[in-house]
Amino acid sequence: MNKHLLALQDISPTQLRALLNRAAVLKQETASGIRHQQLAGKSICMLFEKPSTRTRVSFESAMYGMGGQVIFMQARETQLDRGEPLKDTARVLCRYADALVVRTYGQQVVEELARYSEVPVINALTDLHHPCQILSDLMTVIEKKGAPEQLKIVWLGDGNNMANSWIQAAAVLGFPLTLACPEGYKPDAAILESACKIATQPITVLQDPLAAMQDADVVNIDVWTSMGKEKEKEERLAIFRPYQLNADLLAKAAKDAVVLHCLPAHRDEEITEEVLEGPQSVVFDQSENKMHMHKAILEMLINDTF
């Protein structure tokens, strides 16, 4: 069994379903007033290079909500900023905490930390993957629409880290996925190729957003300019304009389709105010589910039930 969560390709279908089921139970128990203490006496160290609102607060709330403690550090405030090797940082921090939650740029950073850490390393976002976000998104899809195997799930826009993790989730869990991305902004080719080799249902990458949206049950969208790509913003605005999720494009989907966005949203860029605030949007339920999913991830990894 894997002791780290670095990318969804690394976990089994059984593990993925266990996380989804456990998160749903924890959410129900929280709503019933049950106080969780499964991680009492435990602590996590959160090491973040990139800014964060939802990921940071949801992990902190999850850990406190399970009875544990949190140590938060920005990478620029650590000796990493002065050149300390990642392997030294990993071997020290794992003696202070029961898990490391890392939000950074390069996937190689979390992989290096995991190589030397004796406690679980959790990828809270890299430029290549965003596994914890997609797990909470899948939890939301199941809540709102049922089993993903029976749905048409669409990713619209940039083939970024979110798209890569959706592709891996589709391959591991066995549901169909359609992505619409502009030329030059498609998902990682190696990730797509690897996923398609094990997928039991089609993973399709299109360029035409209208074709992708036909009869969609779930529409997922993200910002057009991810962190670290700010210099490309004006160019991206022009290229991605046809992929804006507006009322006309949403009308191509099923009438009861739901809209997901991991936030923050740039209103009237990748998604219009009308759609984001409309009746088909479930983005704030989606945000809440990050906390419940993170509870499940922390509990199962720290208590070695993953």
C-alpha atoms as a PDB file:
ATOM      1  CA  MET A   1       0.000   0.000   0.000  1.00  0.00           C
ATOM      2  CA  ASN A   2       1.212   3.526  -0.785  1.00  0.00           C
ATOM      3  CA  LYS A   3       2.015   5.698   2.208  1.00  0.00           C
ATOM      4  CA  HIS A   4       2.159   8.927   0.157  1.00  0.00           C
ATOM      5  CA  LEU A   5      -0.376  10.761  -2.018  1.00  0.00           C
ATOM      6  CA  LEU A   6       1.588  12.402  -4.823  1.00  0.00           C
ATOM      7  CA  ALA A   7      -0.567  11.705  -7.881  1.00  0.00           C
ATOM      8  CA  LEU A   8      -3.760   9.769  -8.519  1.00  0.00           C
ATOM      9  CA  GLN A   9      -2.005   7.320 -10.836  1.00  0.00           C
ATOM     10  CA  ASP A  10      -0.159   6.003  -7.776  1.00  0.00           C
ATOM     11  CA  ILE A  11      -3.246   4.799  -5.921  1.00  0.00           C
ATOM     12  CA  SER A  12      -5.499   1.847  -6.601  1.00  0.00           C
ATOM     13  CA  PRO A  13      -9.210   1.912  -7.422  1.00  0.00           C
ATOM     14  CA  THR A  14      -9.862   0.408  -3.982  1.00  0.00           C
ATOM     15  CA  GLN A  15      -7.926   3.194  -2.267  1.00  0.00           C
ATOM     16  CA  LEU A  16      -9.632   5.900  -4.307  1.00  0.00           C
ATOM     17  CA  ARG A  17     -13.098   4.566  -3.523  1.00  0.00           C
ATOM     18  CA  ALA A  18     -12.164   4.181   0.145  1.00  0.00           C
ATOM     19  CA  LEU A  19     -11.226   7.863   0.322  1.00  0.00           C
ATOM     20  CA  LEU A  20     -14.494   8.899  -1.341  1.00  0.00           C
ATOM     21  CA  ASN A  21     -16.567   6.697   0.961  1.00  0.00           C
ATOM     22  CA  ARG A  22     -14.747   7.763   4.103  1.00  0.00           C
ATOM     23  CA  ALA A  23     -15.042  11.466   3.267  1.00  0.00           C
ATOM     24  CA  ALA A  24     -18.792  11.071   2.792  1.00  0.00           C
ATOM     25  CA  VAL A  25     -19.120   9.364   6.188  1.00  0.00           C
ATOM     26  CA  LEU A  26     -17.037  12.033   7.916  1.00  0.00           C
ATOM     27  CA  LYS A  27     -19.192  14.750   6.351  1.00  0.00           C
ATOM     28  CA  GLN A  28     -22.378  13.061   7.551  1.00  0.00           C
ATOM     29  CA  GLU A  29     -20.967  12.617  11.050  1.00  0.00           C
ATOM     30  CA  THR A  30     -19.855  16.251  11.210  1.00  0.00           C
ATOM     31  CA  ALA A  31     -23.357  17.385  10.197  1.00  0.00           C
ATOM     32  CA  SER A  32     -24.750  15.185  12.997  1.00  0.00           C
ATOM     33  CA  GLY A  33     -22.571  16.910  15.568  1.00  0.00           C
ATOM     34  CA  ILE A  34     -20.096  14.085  16.022  1.00  0.00           C
ATOM     35  CA  ARG A  35     -16.714  15.340  17.205  1.00  0.00           C
ATOM     36  CA  HIS A  36     -13.840  13.554  15.523  1.00  0.00           C
ATOM     37  CA  GLN A  37     -10.710  12.735  17.488  1.00  0.00           C
ATOM     38  CA  GLN A  38      -9.048  10.131  15.269  1.00  0.00           C
ATOM     39  CA  LEU A  39      -5.897  12.255  14.973  1.00  0.00           C
ATOM     40  CA  ALA A  40      -5.669  13.475  18.571  1.00  0.00           C
ATOM     41  CA  GLY A  41      -2.020  13.788  19.545  1.00  0.00           C
ATOM     42  CA  LYS A  42      -0.918  13.895  15.908  1.00  0.00           C
ATOM     43  CA  SER A  43       0.463  16.833  13.935  1.00  0.00           C
ATOM     44  CA  ILE A  44       1.057  17.799  10.319  1.00  0.00           C
ATOM     45  CA  CYS A  45       3.631  20.150   8.850  1.00  0.00           C
ATOM     46  CA  MET A  46       2.337  22.225   5.948  1.00  0.00           C
ATOM     47  CA  LEU A  47       5.103  23.487   3.659  1.00  0.00           C
ATOM     48  CA  PHE A  48       3.742  25.928   1.068  1.00  0.00           C
ATOM     49  CA  GLU A  49       5.613  27.735  -1.722  1.00  0.00           C
ATOM     50  CA  LYS A  50       2.449  28.896  -3.499  1.00  0.00           C
ATOM     51  CA  PRO A  51      -0.260  31.114  -2.002  1.00  0.00           C
ATOM     52  CA  SER A  52      -3.486  29.456  -0.951  1.00  0.00           C
ATOM     53  CA  THR A  53      -6.881  30.122   0.595  1.00  0.00           C
ATOM     54  CA  ARG A  54      -9.049  27.003   0.285  1.00  0.00           C
ATOM     55  CA  THR A  55      -6.300  24.377   0.316  1.00  0.00           C
ATOM     56  CA  ARG A  56      -4.573  25.822   3.353  1.00  0.00           C
ATOM     57  CA  VAL A  57      -7.690  26.485   5.409  1.00  0.00           C
ATOM     58  CA  SER A  58      -9.379  23.205   4.478  1.00  0.00           C
ATOM     59  CA  PHE A  59      -6.321  21.173   5.493  1.00  0.00           C
ATOM     60  CA  GLU A  60      -5.961  23.134   8.722  1.00  0.00           C
ATOM     61  CA  SER A  61      -9.678  22.817   9.510  1.00  0.00           C
ATOM     62  CA  ALA A  62      -9.561  19.117   8.674  1.00  0.00           C
ATOM     63  CA  MET A  63      -6.628  18.441  10.987  1.00  0.00           C
ATOM     64  CA  TYR A  64      -8.032  20.505  13.854  1.00  0.00           C
ATOM     65  CA  GLY A  65     -11.415  18.881  13.249  1.00  0.00           C
ATOM     66  CA  MET A  66      -9.846  15.453  13.762  1.00  0.00           C
ATOM     67  CA  GLY A  67      -8.237  16.523  17.036  1.00  0.00           C
ATOM     68  CA  GLY A  68      -4.749  17.126  15.643  1.00  0.00           C
ATOM     69  CA  GLN A  69      -2.356  20.066  15.393  1.00  0.00           C
ATOM     70  CA  VAL A  70      -0.923  22.048  12.472  1.00  0.00           C
ATOM     71  CA  ILE A  71       2.471  23.624  11.833  1.00  0.00           C
ATOM     72  CA  PHE A  72       2.334  25.953   8.808  1.00  0.00           C
ATOM     73  CA  MET A  73       5.456  27.204   7.052  1.00  0.00           C
ATOM     74  CA  GLN A  74       6.018  29.202   3.901  1.00  0.00           C
ATOM     75  CA  ALA A  75       9.028  27.822   2.068  1.00  0.00           C
ATOM     76  CA  ARG A  76      10.673  31.245   1.846  1.00  0.00           C
ATOM     77  CA  GLU A  77      10.741  31.354   5.646  1.00  0.00           C
ATOM     78  CA  THR A  78      12.672  28.087   5.919  1.00  0.00           C
ATOM     79  CA  GLN A  79      16.264  27.068   5.277  1.00  0.00           C
ATOM     80  CA  LEU A  80      15.141  25.815   1.868  1.00  0.00           C
ATOM     81  CA  ASP A  81      15.270  29.448   0.808  1.00  0.00           C
ATOM     82  CA  ARG A  82      18.969  29.433   1.694  1.00  0.00           C
ATOM     83  CA  GLY A  83      19.751  26.274  -0.243  1.00  0.00           C
ATOM     84  CA  GLU A  84      19.176  23.451   2.222  1.00  0.00           C
ATOM     85  CA  PRO A  85      18.679  20.206   0.262  1.00  0.00           C
ATOM     86  CA  LEU A  86      15.148  18.811   0.148  1.00  0.00           C
ATOM     87  CA  LYS A  87      16.398  15.462   1.412  1.00  0.00           C
ATOM     88  CA  ASP A  88      17.704  17.088   4.591  1.00  0.00           C
ATOM     89  CA  THR A  89      14.451  18.983   5.107  1.00  0.00           C
ATOM     90  CA  ALA A  90      12.445  15.789   4.643  1.00  0.00           C
ATOM     91  CA  ARG A  91      14.535  13.779   7.103  1.00  0.00           C
ATOM     92  CA  VAL A  92      14.205  16.492   9.739  1.00  0.00           C
ATOM     93  CA  LEU A  93      10.543  17.422   9.357  1.00  0.00           C
ATOM     94  CA  CYS A  94       9.381  13.802   9.406  1.00  0.00           C
ATOM     95  CA  ARG A  95      10.774  13.552  12.935  1.00  0.00           C
ATOM     96  CA  TYR A  96       8.651  16.502  14.060  1.00  0.00           C
ATOM     97  CA  ALA A  97       5.322  15.720  12.394  1.00  0.00           C
ATOM     98  CA  ASP A  98       3.134  12.787  11.386  1.00  0.00           C
ATOM     99  CA  ALA A  99       2.635  13.958   7.780  1.00  0.00           C
ATOM    100  CA  LEU A 100       3.940  16.616   5.395  1.00  0.00           C
ATOM    101  CA  VAL A 101       1.434  18.563   3.273  1.00  0.00           C
ATOM    102  CA  VAL A 102       3.261  20.305   0.446  1.00  0.00           C
ATOM    103  CA  ARG A 103       2.101  22.943  -2.068  1.00  0.00           C
ATOM    104  CA  THR A 104       4.835  23.791  -4.531  1.00  0.00           C
ATOM    105  CA  TYR A 105       5.774  24.268  -8.186  1.00  0.00           C
ATOM    106  CA  GLY A 106       7.700  21.220  -9.355  1.00  0.00           C
ATOM    107  CA  GLN A 107       6.396  17.686  -8.986  1.00  0.00           C
ATOM    108  CA  GLN A 108       9.993  16.655  -8.356  1.00  0.00           C
ATOM    109  CA  VAL A 109       9.848  18.522  -5.027  1.00  0.00           C
ATOM    110  CA  VAL A 110       7.121  16.327  -3.535  1.00  0.00           C
ATOM    111  CA  GLU A 111       8.736  13.227  -5.020  1.00  0.00           C
ATOM    112  CA  GLU A 112      12.100  14.085  -3.446  1.00  0.00           C
ATOM    113  CA  LEU A 113      10.503  14.784  -0.080  1.00  0.00           C
ATOM    114  CA  ALA A 114       8.601  11.486  -0.259  1.00  0.00           C
ATOM    115  CA  ARG A 115      11.784   9.609  -1.127  1.00  0.00           C
ATOM    116  CA  TYR A 116      13.408  10.668   2.143  1.00  0.00           C
ATOM    117  CA  SER A 117      10.416  11.112   4.461  1.00  0.00           C
ATOM    118  CA  GLU A 118       9.420   8.401   6.899  1.00  0.00           C
ATOM    119  CA  VAL A 119       5.934   9.901   7.229  1.00  0.00           C
ATOM    120  CA  PRO A 120       3.299  10.444   4.513  1.00  0.00           C
ATOM    121  CA  VAL A 121       3.852  13.255   2.022  1.00  0.00           C
ATOM    122  CA  ILE A 122       0.663  14.737   0.560  1.00  0.00           C
ATOM    123  CA  ASN A 123       0.678  16.722  -2.677  1.00  0.00           C
ATOM    124  CA  ALA A 124      -1.475  19.779  -1.997  1.00  0.00           C
ATOM    125  CA  LEU A 125      -0.719  21.068  -5.534  1.00  0.00           C
ATOM    126  CA  THR A 126       2.140  21.091  -8.000  1.00  0.00           C
ATOM    127  CA  ASP A 127       2.278  22.434 -11.538  1.00  0.00           C
ATOM    128  CA  LEU A 128       1.695  18.878 -12.794  1.00  0.00           C
ATOM    129  CA  HIS A 129      -0.899  17.427 -10.402  1.00  0.00           C
ATOM    130  CA  HIS A 130      -3.644  18.460  -7.980  1.00  0.00           C
ATOM    131  CA  PRO A 131      -4.845  15.099  -6.611  1.00  0.00           C
ATOM    132  CA  CYS A 132      -6.563  16.251  -3.412  1.00  0.00           C
ATOM    133  CA  GLN A 133      -8.675  18.780  -5.314  1.00  0.00           C
ATOM    134  CA  ILE A 134      -9.896  16.192  -7.813  1.00  0.00           C
ATOM    135  CA  LEU A 135     -10.780  13.786  -4.989  1.00  0.00           C
ATOM    136  CA  SER A 136     -12.999  16.442  -3.393  1.00  0.00           C
ATOM    137  CA  ASP A 137     -14.432  17.279  -6.820  1.00  0.00           C
ATOM    138  CA  LEU A 138     -15.330  13.634  -7.359  1.00  0.00           C
ATOM    139  CA  MET A 139     -16.975  13.593  -3.948  1.00  0.00           C
ATOM    140  CA  THR A 140     -19.104  16.527  -5.106  1.00  0.00           C
ATOM    141  CA  VAL A 141     -19.966  14.835  -8.395  1.00  0.00           C
ATOM    142  CA  ILE A 142     -21.174  11.725  -6.550  1.00  0.00           C
ATOM    143  CA  GLU A 143     -23.235  13.811  -4.125  1.00  0.00           C
ATOM    144  CA  LYS A 144     -24.938  15.785  -6.869  1.00  0.00           C
ATOM    145  CA  LYS A 145     -25.126  13.363  -9.795  1.00  0.00           C
ATOM    146  CA  GLY A 146     -24.339   9.821  -8.672  1.00  0.00           C
ATOM    147  CA  ALA A 147     -21.758   7.335  -9.899  1.00  0.00           C
ATOM    148  CA  PRO A 148     -19.280   8.978 -12.316  1.00  0.00           C
ATOM    149  CA  GLU A 149     -19.182   5.831 -14.448  1.00  0.00           C
ATOM    150  CA  GLN A 150     -22.682   6.715 -15.691  1.00  0.00           C
ATOM    151  CA  LEU A 151     -21.992  10.391 -16.407  1.00  0.00           C
ATOM    152  CA  LYS A 152     -20.505  12.554 -19.114  1.00  0.00           C
ATOM    153  CA  ILE A 153     -17.873  14.604 -17.302  1.00  0.00           C
ATOM    154  CA  VAL A 154     -16.304  17.477 -19.214  1.00  0.00           C
ATOM    155  CA  TRP A 155     -13.177  19.501 -18.553  1.00  0.00           C
ATOM    156  CA  LEU A 156     -13.176  22.847 -20.317  1.00  0.00           C
ATOM    157  CA  GLY A 157     -10.155  25.079 -20.912  1.00  0.00           C
ATOM    158  CA  ASP A 158      -6.501  24.763 -19.974  1.00  0.00           C
ATOM    159  CA  GLY A 159      -4.933  21.300 -19.895  1.00  0.00           C
ATOM    160  CA  ASN A 160      -3.292  22.122 -16.571  1.00  0.00           C
ATOM    161  CA  ASN A 161      -2.580  20.230 -13.347  1.00  0.00           C
ATOM    162  CA  MET A 162      -6.309  19.881 -12.679  1.00  0.00           C
ATOM    163  CA  ALA A 163      -6.883  18.382 -16.109  1.00  0.00           C
ATOM    164  CA  ASN A 164      -3.980  15.970 -15.592  1.00  0.00           C
ATOM    165  CA  SER A 165      -5.423  14.752 -12.299  1.00  0.00           C
ATOM    166  CA  TRP A 166      -8.907  14.397 -13.797  1.00  0.00           C
ATOM    167  CA  ILE A 167      -7.375  12.204 -16.498  1.00  0.00           C
ATOM    168  CA  GLN A 168      -5.690  10.007 -13.912  1.00  0.00           C
ATOM    169  CA  ALA A 169      -8.879   9.763 -11.854  1.00  0.00           C
ATOM    170  CA  ALA A 170     -10.838   8.680 -14.934  1.00  0.00           C
ATOM    171  CA  ALA A 171      -8.296   5.957 -15.655  1.00  0.00           C
ATOM    172  CA  VAL A 172      -8.109   4.674 -12.067  1.00  0.00           C
ATOM    173  CA  LEU A 173     -11.832   4.812 -11.287  1.00  0.00           C
ATOM    174  CA  GLY A 174     -13.059   3.866 -14.751  1.00  0.00           C
ATOM    175  CA  PHE A 175     -15.314   6.699 -15.902  1.00  0.00           C
ATOM    176  CA  PRO A 176     -15.506   8.483 -19.278  1.00  0.00           C
ATOM    177  CA  LEU A 177     -13.929  11.928 -19.544  1.00  0.00           C
ATOM    178  CA  THR A 178     -14.031  14.537 -22.289  1.00  0.00           C
ATOM    179  CA  LEU A 179     -11.609  17.458 -22.336  1.00  0.00           C
ATOM    180  CA  ALA A 180     -11.800  20.502 -24.606  1.00  0.00           C
ATOM    181  CA  CYS A 181      -8.515  22.418 -24.782  1.00  0.00           C
ATOM    182  CA  PRO A 182      -6.993  24.816 -27.309  1.00  0.00           C
ATOM    183  CA  GLU A 183      -4.099  23.686 -29.460  1.00  0.00           C
ATOM    184  CA  GLY A 184      -0.892  24.150 -27.508  1.00  0.00           C
ATOM    185  CA  TYR A 185      -2.671  23.935 -24.152  1.00  0.00           C
ATOM    186  CA  LYS A 186      -3.552  20.263 -24.014  1.00  0.00           C
ATOM    187  CA  PRO A 187      -2.911  18.027 -20.992  1.00  0.00           C
ATOM    188  CA  ASP A 188       0.488  16.454 -20.398  1.00  0.00           C
ATOM    189  CA  ALA A 189       1.042  13.971 -23.240  1.00  0.00           C
ATOM    190  CA  ALA A 190       2.797  11.354 -21.105  1.00  0.00           C
ATOM    191  CA  ILE A 191       0.070  11.443 -18.454  1.00  0.00           C
ATOM    192  CA  LEU A 192      -2.620  11.092 -21.127  1.00  0.00           C
ATOM    193  CA  GLU A 193      -0.839   8.202 -22.831  1.00  0.00           C
ATOM    194  CA  SER A 194      -0.283   6.353 -19.560  1.00  0.00           C
ATOM    195  CA  ALA A 195      -3.892   6.854 -18.488  1.00  0.00           C
ATOM    196  CA  CYS A 196      -5.325   5.667 -21.783  1.00  0.00           C
ATOM    197  CA  LYS A 197      -3.410   2.399 -21.450  1.00  0.00           C
ATOM    198  CA  ILE A 198      -5.342   1.438 -18.317  1.00  0.00           C
ATOM    199  CA  ALA A 199      -8.629   3.278 -18.898  1.00  0.00           C
ATOM    200  CA  THR A 200     -11.756   1.150 -19.249  1.00  0.00           C
ATOM    201  CA  GLN A 201     -13.842   4.014 -20.653  1.00  0.00           C
ATOM    202  CA  PRO A 202     -12.855   6.660 -23.229  1.00  0.00           C
ATOM    203  CA  ILE A 203     -10.700   9.639 -22.310  1.00  0.00           C
ATOM    204  CA  THR A 204     -11.207  12.045 -25.186  1.00  0.00           C
ATOM    205  CA  VAL A 205      -9.362  15.304 -25.884  1.00  0.00           C
ATOM    206  CA  LEU A 206     -11.093  17.681 -28.288  1.00  0.00           C
ATOM    207  CA  GLN A 207     -10.434  21.207 -29.457  1.00  0.00           C
ATOM    208  CA  ASP A 208     -14.073  22.191 -30.040  1.00  0.00           C
ATOM    209  CA  PRO A 209     -15.822  23.285 -26.801  1.00  0.00           C
ATOM    210  CA  LEU A 210     -19.276  23.033 -28.418  1.00  0.00           C
ATOM    211  CA  ALA A 211     -18.750  19.386 -29.327  1.00  0.00           C
ATOM    212  CA  ALA A 212     -17.378  18.584 -25.877  1.00  0.00           C
ATOM    213  CA  MET A 213     -20.310  20.190 -24.071  1.00  0.00           C
ATOM    214  CA  GLN A 214     -23.054  18.265 -25.855  1.00  0.00           C
ATOM    215  CA  ASP A 215     -25.198  16.515 -23.202  1.00  0.00           C
ATOM    216  CA  ALA A 216     -22.586  16.971 -20.464  1.00  0.00           C
ATOM    217  CA  ASP A 217     -23.690  16.005 -16.949  1.00  0.00           C
ATOM    218  CA  VAL A 218     -20.768  17.675 -15.178  1.00  0.00           C
ATOM    219  CA  VAL A 219     -18.799  20.675 -16.436  1.00  0.00           C
ATOM    220  CA  ASN A 220     -15.518  21.507 -14.750  1.00  0.00           C
ATOM    221  CA  ILE A 221     -13.560  24.674 -15.439  1.00  0.00           C
ATOM    222  CA  ASP A 222     -10.545  26.480 -13.993  1.00  0.00           C
ATOM    223  CA  VAL A 223      -8.766  29.791 -14.441  1.00  0.00           C
ATOM    224  CA  TRP A 224      -7.031  30.342 -17.765  1.00  0.00           C
ATOM    225  CA  THR A 225      -3.842  31.677 -16.208  1.00  0.00           C
ATOM    226  CA  SER A 226      -2.471  29.493 -13.436  1.00  0.00           C
ATOM    227  CA  MET A 227       0.003  30.651 -10.797  1.00  0.00           C
ATOM    228  CA  GLY A 228       3.393  31.200 -12.371  1.00  0.00           C
ATOM    229  CA  LYS A 229       1.916  31.936 -15.816  1.00  0.00           C
ATOM    230  CA  GLU A 230       0.928  35.548 -15.175  1.00  0.00           C
ATOM    231  CA  LYS A 231       3.154  36.920 -17.974  1.00  0.00           C
ATOM    232  CA  GLU A 232       1.049  34.938 -20.473  1.00  0.00           C
ATOM    233  CA  LYS A 233      -2.268  36.390 -19.312  1.00  0.00           C
ATOM    234  CA  GLU A 234      -3.115  38.625 -22.277  1.00  0.00           C
ATOM    235  CA  GLU A 235      -2.175  35.954 -24.800  1.00  0.00           C
ATOM    236  CA  ARG A 236      -4.207  33.355 -22.937  1.00  0.00           C
ATOM    237  CA  LEU A 237      -7.270  35.607 -22.713  1.00  0.00           C
ATOM    238  CA  ALA A 238      -7.407  35.774 -26.504  1.00  0.00           C
ATOM    239  CA  ILE A 239      -6.791  32.064 -27.049  1.00  0.00           C
ATOM    240  CA  PHE A 240      -9.255  30.802 -24.422  1.00  0.00           C
ATOM    241  CA  ARG A 241     -12.139  33.182 -25.136  1.00  0.00           C
ATOM    242  CA  PRO A 242     -14.172  30.503 -27.041  1.00  0.00           C
ATOM    243  CA  TYR A 243     -13.919  28.270 -23.951  1.00  0.00           C
ATOM    244  CA  GLN A 244     -15.675  30.686 -21.610  1.00  0.00           C
ATOM    245  CA  LEU A 245     -18.437  28.919 -19.711  1.00  0.00           C
ATOM    246  CA  ASN A 246     -21.385  31.217 -20.354  1.00  0.00           C
ATOM    247  CA  ALA A 247     -25.120  30.629 -20.601  1.00  0.00           C
ATOM    248  CA  ASP A 248     -24.982  29.834 -24.321  1.00  0.00           C
ATOM    249  CA  LEU A 249     -22.284  27.207 -23.916  1.00  0.00           C
ATOM    250  CA  LEU A 250     -23.897  25.726 -20.809  1.00  0.00           C
ATOM    251  CA  ALA A 251     -27.135  25.331 -22.778  1.00  0.00           C
ATOM    252  CA  LYS A 252     -25.369  22.631 -24.832  1.00  0.00           C
ATOM    253  CA  ALA A 253     -25.061  20.493 -21.703  1.00  0.00           C
ATOM    254  CA  ALA A 254     -27.832  18.431 -20.105  1.00  0.00           C
ATOM    255  CA  LYS A 255     -30.507  20.567 -18.477  1.00  0.00           C
ATOM    256  CA  ASP A 256     -29.599  19.253 -15.029  1.00  0.00           C
ATOM    257  CA  ALA A 257     -25.835  19.504 -15.527  1.00  0.00           C
ATOM    258  CA  VAL A 258     -23.776  20.818 -12.618  1.00  0.00           C
ATOM    259  CA  VAL A 259     -20.913  23.290 -12.853  1.00  0.00           C
ATOM    260  CA  LEU A 260     -17.683  22.911 -10.881  1.00  0.00           C
ATOM    261  CA  HIS A 261     -14.866  25.437 -10.411  1.00  0.00           C
ATOM    262  CA  CYS A 262     -12.086  24.919  -7.871  1.00  0.00           C
ATOM    263  CA  LEU A 263     -11.863  28.702  -7.243  1.00  0.00           C
ATOM    264  CA  PRO A 264     -10.681  31.395  -7.187  1.00  0.00           C
ATOM    265  CA  ALA A 265     -12.742  32.359 -10.215  1.00  0.00           C
ATOM    266  CA  HIS A 266     -12.018  35.242 -12.544  1.00  0.00           C
ATOM    267  CA  ARG A 267     -15.605  36.236 -13.153  1.00  0.00           C
ATOM    268  CA  ASP A 268     -16.482  36.983 -16.757  1.00  0.00           C
ATOM    269  CA  GLU A 269     -13.204  35.492 -17.936  1.00  0.00           C
ATOM    270  CA  GLU A 270     -13.325  31.669 -17.816  1.00  0.00           C
ATOM    271  CA  ILE A 271     -16.840  31.694 -16.338  1.00  0.00           C
ATOM    272  CA  THR A 272     -19.535  34.332 -16.345  1.00  0.00           C
ATOM    273  CA  GLU A 273     -21.040  35.798 -13.202  1.00  0.00           C
ATOM    274  CA  GLU A 274     -24.418  34.474 -14.380  1.00  0.00           C
ATOM    275  CA  VAL A 275     -23.231  30.865 -14.526  1.00  0.00           C
ATOM    276  CA  LEU A 276     -21.088  30.985 -11.385  1.00  0.00           C
ATOM    277  CA  GLU A 277     -23.987  32.337  -9.325  1.00  0.00           C
ATOM    278  CA  GLY A 278     -26.625  30.328 -11.195  1.00  0.00           C
ATOM    279  CA  PRO A 279     -28.676  27.332 -10.047  1.00  0.00           C
ATOM    280  CA  GLN A 280     -26.406  24.787 -11.747  1.00  0.00           C
ATOM    281  CA  SER A 281     -23.284  25.957  -9.927  1.00  0.00           C
ATOM    282  CA  VAL A 282     -22.152  23.782  -7.011  1.00  0.00           C
ATOM    283  CA  VAL A 283     -18.805  25.487  -6.480  1.00  0.00           C
ATOM    284  CA  PHE A 284     -19.308  26.331  -2.808  1.00  0.00           C
ATOM    285  CA  ASP A 285     -20.415  22.798  -1.923  1.00  0.00           C
ATOM    286  CA  GLN A 286     -17.332  21.722  -3.858  1.00  0.00           C
ATOM    287  CA  SER A 287     -15.166  24.012  -1.710  1.00  0.00           C
ATOM    288  CA  GLU A 288     -16.668  22.667   1.517  1.00  0.00           C
ATOM    289  CA  ASN A 289     -15.975  19.110   0.420  1.00  0.00           C
ATOM    290  CA  LYS A 290     -12.251  19.838   0.352  1.00  0.00           C
ATOM    291  CA  MET A 291     -12.297  19.892   4.163  1.00  0.00           C
ATOM    292  CA  HIS A 292     -14.151  16.576   4.457  1.00  0.00           C
ATOM    293  CA  MET A 293     -11.938  14.921   1.849  1.00  0.00           C
ATOM    294  CA  HIS A 294      -8.819  16.219   3.544  1.00  0.00           C
ATOM    295  CA  LYS A 295     -10.041  14.705   6.804  1.00  0.00           C
ATOM    296  CA  ALA A 296     -10.268  11.343   5.067  1.00  0.00           C
ATOM    297  CA  ILE A 297      -6.843  11.700   3.447  1.00  0.00           C
ATOM    298  CA  LEU A 298      -5.134  12.700   6.688  1.00  0.00           C
ATOM    299  CA  GLU A 299      -6.864  10.040   8.752  1.00  0.00           C
ATOM    300  CA  MET A 300      -6.163   7.186   6.363  1.00  0.00           C
ATOM    301  CA  LEU A 301      -2.549   8.121   5.671  1.00  0.00           C
ATOM    302  CA  ILE A 302      -1.498   9.038   9.209  1.00  0.00           C
ATOM    303  CA  ASN A 303      -3.297   6.091  10.818  1.00  0.00           C
ATOM    304  CA  ASP A 304      -2.036   3.749   8.088  1.00  0.00           C
ATOM    305  CA  THR A 305      -5.442   2.567   6.908  1.00  0.00           C
ATOM    306  CA  PHE A 306      -4.892   3.738   3.315  1.00  0.00           C
END
